[in-house]
C-alpha atoms as a PDB file:
ATOM      1  CA  MET A   1      42.884  62.497  62.047  1.00  0.00           C
ATOM      2  CA  ALA A   2      46.484  63.370  62.916  1.00  0.00           C
ATOM      3  CA  VAL A   3      47.824  62.651  66.382  1.00  0.00           C
ATOM      4  CA  LYS A   4      50.625  63.968  68.532  1.00  0.00           C
ATOM      5  CA  TYR A   5      52.455  62.304  71.395  1.00  0.00           C
ATOM      6  CA  VAL A   6      52.588  63.973  74.795  1.00  0.00           C
ATOM      7  CA  ALA A   7      54.473  63.003  77.953  1.00  0.00           C
ATOM      8  CA  GLY A   8      52.094  61.504  80.493  1.00  0.00           C
ATOM      9  CA  ARG A   9      54.717  61.603  83.221  1.00  0.00           C
ATOM     10  CA  ARG A  10      58.293  62.866  83.615  1.00  0.00           C
ATOM     11  CA  LEU A  11      60.452  61.339  80.858  1.00  0.00           C
ATOM     12  CA  SER A  12      64.103  61.448  79.914  1.00  0.00           C
ATOM     13  CA  VAL A  13      64.293  61.738  76.113  1.00  0.00           C
ATOM     14  CA  ALA A  14      67.657  62.117  74.342  1.00  0.00           C
ATOM     15  CA  ASP A  15      69.307  63.700  77.407  1.00  0.00           C
ATOM     16  CA  GLU A  16      66.360  66.083  77.879  1.00  0.00           C
ATOM     17  CA  ILE A  17      63.674  65.943  80.548  1.00  0.00           C
ATOM     18  CA  ARG A  18      60.085  66.118  79.288  1.00  0.00           C
ATOM     19  CA  MET A  19      57.457  67.007  81.836  1.00  0.00           C
ATOM     20  CA  PRO A  20      53.809  65.844  81.740  1.00  0.00           C
ATOM     21  CA  GLY A  21      52.009  67.672  78.935  1.00  0.00           C
ATOM     22  CA  ASP A  22      55.178  68.335  76.889  1.00  0.00           C
ATOM     23  CA  GLU A  23      55.056  67.168  73.278  1.00  0.00           C
ATOM     24  CA  VAL A  24      57.326  64.239  72.376  1.00  0.00           C
ATOM     25  CA  PRO A  25      57.245  64.158  68.547  1.00  0.00           C
ATOM     26  CA  GLU A  26      60.128  61.675  68.286  1.00  0.00           C
ATOM     27  CA  ALA A  27      57.974  59.068  70.058  1.00  0.00           C
ATOM     28  CA  ALA A  28      56.356  58.329  66.680  1.00  0.00           C
ATOM     29  CA  THR A  29      59.597  56.578  65.662  1.00  0.00           C
ATOM     30  CA  TRP A  30      59.979  54.450  68.815  1.00  0.00           C
ATOM     31  CA  LYS A  31      59.514  50.726  68.180  1.00  0.00           C
ATOM     32  CA  ASN A  32      58.427  50.255  71.817  1.00  0.00           C
ATOM     33  CA  LEU A  33      55.877  53.097  71.725  1.00  0.00           C
ATOM     34  CA  PRO A  34      52.966  50.774  72.655  1.00  0.00           C
ATOM     35  CA  SER A  35      54.722  49.966  75.959  1.00  0.00           C
ATOM     36  CA  TYR A  36      55.099  53.648  76.791  1.00  0.00           C
ATOM     37  CA  ILE A  37      51.432  54.233  75.957  1.00  0.00           C
ATOM     38  CA  SER A  38      50.234  51.240  78.026  1.00  0.00           C
ATOM     39  CA  PHE A  39      52.146  52.473  81.101  1.00  0.00           C
ATOM     40  CA  GLY A  40      50.883  56.047  80.672  1.00  0.00           C
ATOM     41  CA  SER A  41      54.331  57.479  79.969  1.00  0.00           C
ATOM     42  CA  ILE A  42      53.138  58.696  76.553  1.00  0.00           C
ATOM     43  CA  VAL A  43      49.609  59.912  75.799  1.00  0.00           C
ATOM     44  CA  VAL A  44      48.198  59.997  72.271  1.00  0.00           C
ATOM     45  CA  VAL A  45      46.299  63.226  71.572  1.00  0.00           C
ATOM     46  CA  GLU A  46      44.388  64.027  68.397  1.00  0.00           C
ATOM     47  CA  VAL A  47      45.565  67.284  66.832  1.00  0.00           C
ATOM     48  CA  GLY A  48      43.125  70.018  67.792  1.00  0.00           C
ATOM     49  CA  GLU A  49      42.391  68.529  71.228  1.00  0.00           C
ATOM     50  CA  GLU A  50      43.967  69.735  74.425  1.00  0.00           C
ATOM     51  CA  ALA A  51      46.552  67.497  76.027  1.00  0.00           C
ATOM     52  CA  PRO A  52      45.153  65.796  79.122  1.00  0.00           C
ATOM     53  CA  SER A  53      46.254  67.305  82.392  1.00  0.00           C
ATOM     54  CA  PRO A  54      48.757  65.219  84.359  1.00  0.00           C
ATOM     55  CA  ALA A  55      47.166  62.519  86.451  1.00  0.00           C
ATOM     56  CA  PRO A  56      46.948  63.308  90.156  1.00  0.00           C
ATOM     57  CA  ALA A  57      49.281  61.460  92.475  1.00  0.00           C
ATOM     58  CA  PRO A  58      47.911  58.021  93.292  1.00  0.00           C
ATOM     59  CA  GLU A  59      46.232  57.651  96.649  1.00  0.00           C
ATOM     60  CA  PRO A  60      47.871  55.268  99.115  1.00  0.00           C
ATOM     61  CA  GLU A  61      46.512  51.763  98.802  1.00  0.00           C
ATOM     62  CA  PRO A  62      44.582  50.320 101.751  1.00  0.00           C
ATOM     63  CA  GLU A  63      46.086  47.509 103.782  1.00  0.00           C
ATOM     64  CA  PRO A  64      45.807  44.200 101.914  1.00  0.00           C
ATOM     65  CA  VAL A  65      43.022  41.839 102.973  1.00  0.00           C
ATOM     66  CA  GLU A  66      44.141  38.286 103.663  1.00  0.00           C
ATOM     67  CA  GLU A  67      42.062  36.582 101.011  1.00  0.00           C
ATOM     68  CA  ALA A  68      42.984  35.341  97.577  1.00  0.00           C
ATOM     69  CA  VAL A  69      42.374  37.961  94.917  1.00  0.00           C
ATOM     70  CA  GLU A  70      42.666  37.128  91.249  1.00  0.00           C
ATOM     71  CA  GLU A  71      44.855  39.571  89.412  1.00  0.00           C
ATOM     72  CA  PRO A  72      43.647  40.615  85.973  1.00  0.00           C
ATOM     73  CA  GLU A  73      45.692  39.419  83.034  1.00  0.00           C
ATOM     74  CA  THR A  74      48.045  42.103  81.799  1.00  0.00           C
ATOM     75  CA  GLU A  75      49.611  42.550  78.415  1.00  0.00           C
ATOM     76  CA  GLU A  76      53.160  41.180  78.253  1.00  0.00           C
ATOM     77  CA  VAL A  77      55.633  44.072  77.937  1.00  0.00           C
ATOM     78  CA  ASP A  78      59.283  43.943  76.897  1.00  0.00           C
ATOM     79  CA  LEU A  79      60.843  45.440  80.027  1.00  0.00           C
ATOM     80  CA  SER A  80      64.338  45.554  78.527  1.00  0.00           C
ATOM     81  CA  SER A  81      63.165  48.071  75.911  1.00  0.00           C
ATOM     82  CA  MET A  82      61.917  50.510  78.581  1.00  0.00           C
ATOM     83  CA  LEU A  83      63.903  53.401  80.079  1.00  0.00           C
ATOM     84  CA  LYS A  84      65.184  52.969  83.620  1.00  0.00           C
ATOM     85  CA  ASP A  85      62.957  55.877  84.806  1.00  0.00           C
ATOM     86  CA  ASP A  86      59.884  54.009  83.524  1.00  0.00           C
ATOM     87  CA  LEU A  87      61.038  50.779  85.190  1.00  0.00           C
ATOM     88  CA  ILE A  88      61.427  52.682  88.470  1.00  0.00           C
ATOM     89  CA  ALA A  89      57.903  54.097  88.111  1.00  0.00           C
ATOM     90  CA  LEU A  90      56.535  50.617  87.403  1.00  0.00           C
ATOM     91  CA  ALA A  91      58.377  49.176  90.418  1.00  0.00           C
ATOM     92  CA  GLU A  92      56.903  51.944  92.604  1.00  0.00           C
ATOM     93  CA  GLU A  93      53.409  51.122  91.315  1.00  0.00           C
ATOM     94  CA  ARG A  94      53.934  47.480  92.244  1.00  0.00           C
ATOM     95  CA  GLY A  95      55.398  48.322  95.661  1.00  0.00           C
ATOM     96  CA  LEU A  96      58.842  46.938  94.783  1.00  0.00           C
ATOM     97  CA  ASP A  97      62.300  48.211  95.681  1.00  0.00           C
ATOM     98  CA  THR A  98      63.397  50.854  93.144  1.00  0.00           C
ATOM     99  CA  SER A  99      67.143  50.815  93.792  1.00  0.00           C
ATOM    100  CA  GLY A 100      69.810  49.174  91.678  1.00  0.00           C
ATOM    101  CA  THR A 101      70.638  48.886  88.013  1.00  0.00           C
ATOM    102  CA  LYS A 102      68.224  48.538  85.125  1.00  0.00           C
ATOM    103  CA  ALA A 103      68.937  44.777  85.136  1.00  0.00           C
ATOM    104  CA  ASP A 104      68.070  44.595  88.861  1.00  0.00           C
ATOM    105  CA  LEU A 105      64.761  46.381  88.223  1.00  0.00           C
ATOM    106  CA  ILE A 106      63.895  44.085  85.305  1.00  0.00           C
ATOM    107  CA  GLU A 107      64.612  41.037  87.481  1.00  0.00           C
ATOM    108  CA  ARG A 108      62.332  42.356  90.262  1.00  0.00           C
ATOM    109  CA  LEU A 109      59.550  43.207  87.795  1.00  0.00           C
ATOM    110  CA  SER A 110      59.696  39.842  85.989  1.00  0.00           C
END
């Protein structure tokens, strides 16, 4: 079945802003498309289905408990191939500082 690519969050694509739910047909040609999909920036939708509604804002995380917690293994992602807006979103998710250049963000996220 054919698929289409839809913005899962606010994206800057070729000097245009795409809002959640907007189609992003050029994503099919992106070599780093799997990274965008894994971070939820792009959602794959089968043609004929409705695009998923934007995810609600994440709830604030509870205060950390002072015990060792194993973090699940995550897929290695090429941060340098991501847009700065996506790096900022990832830094926010990890509770890191979001200021600075793309290189600063990559250093903090690595």
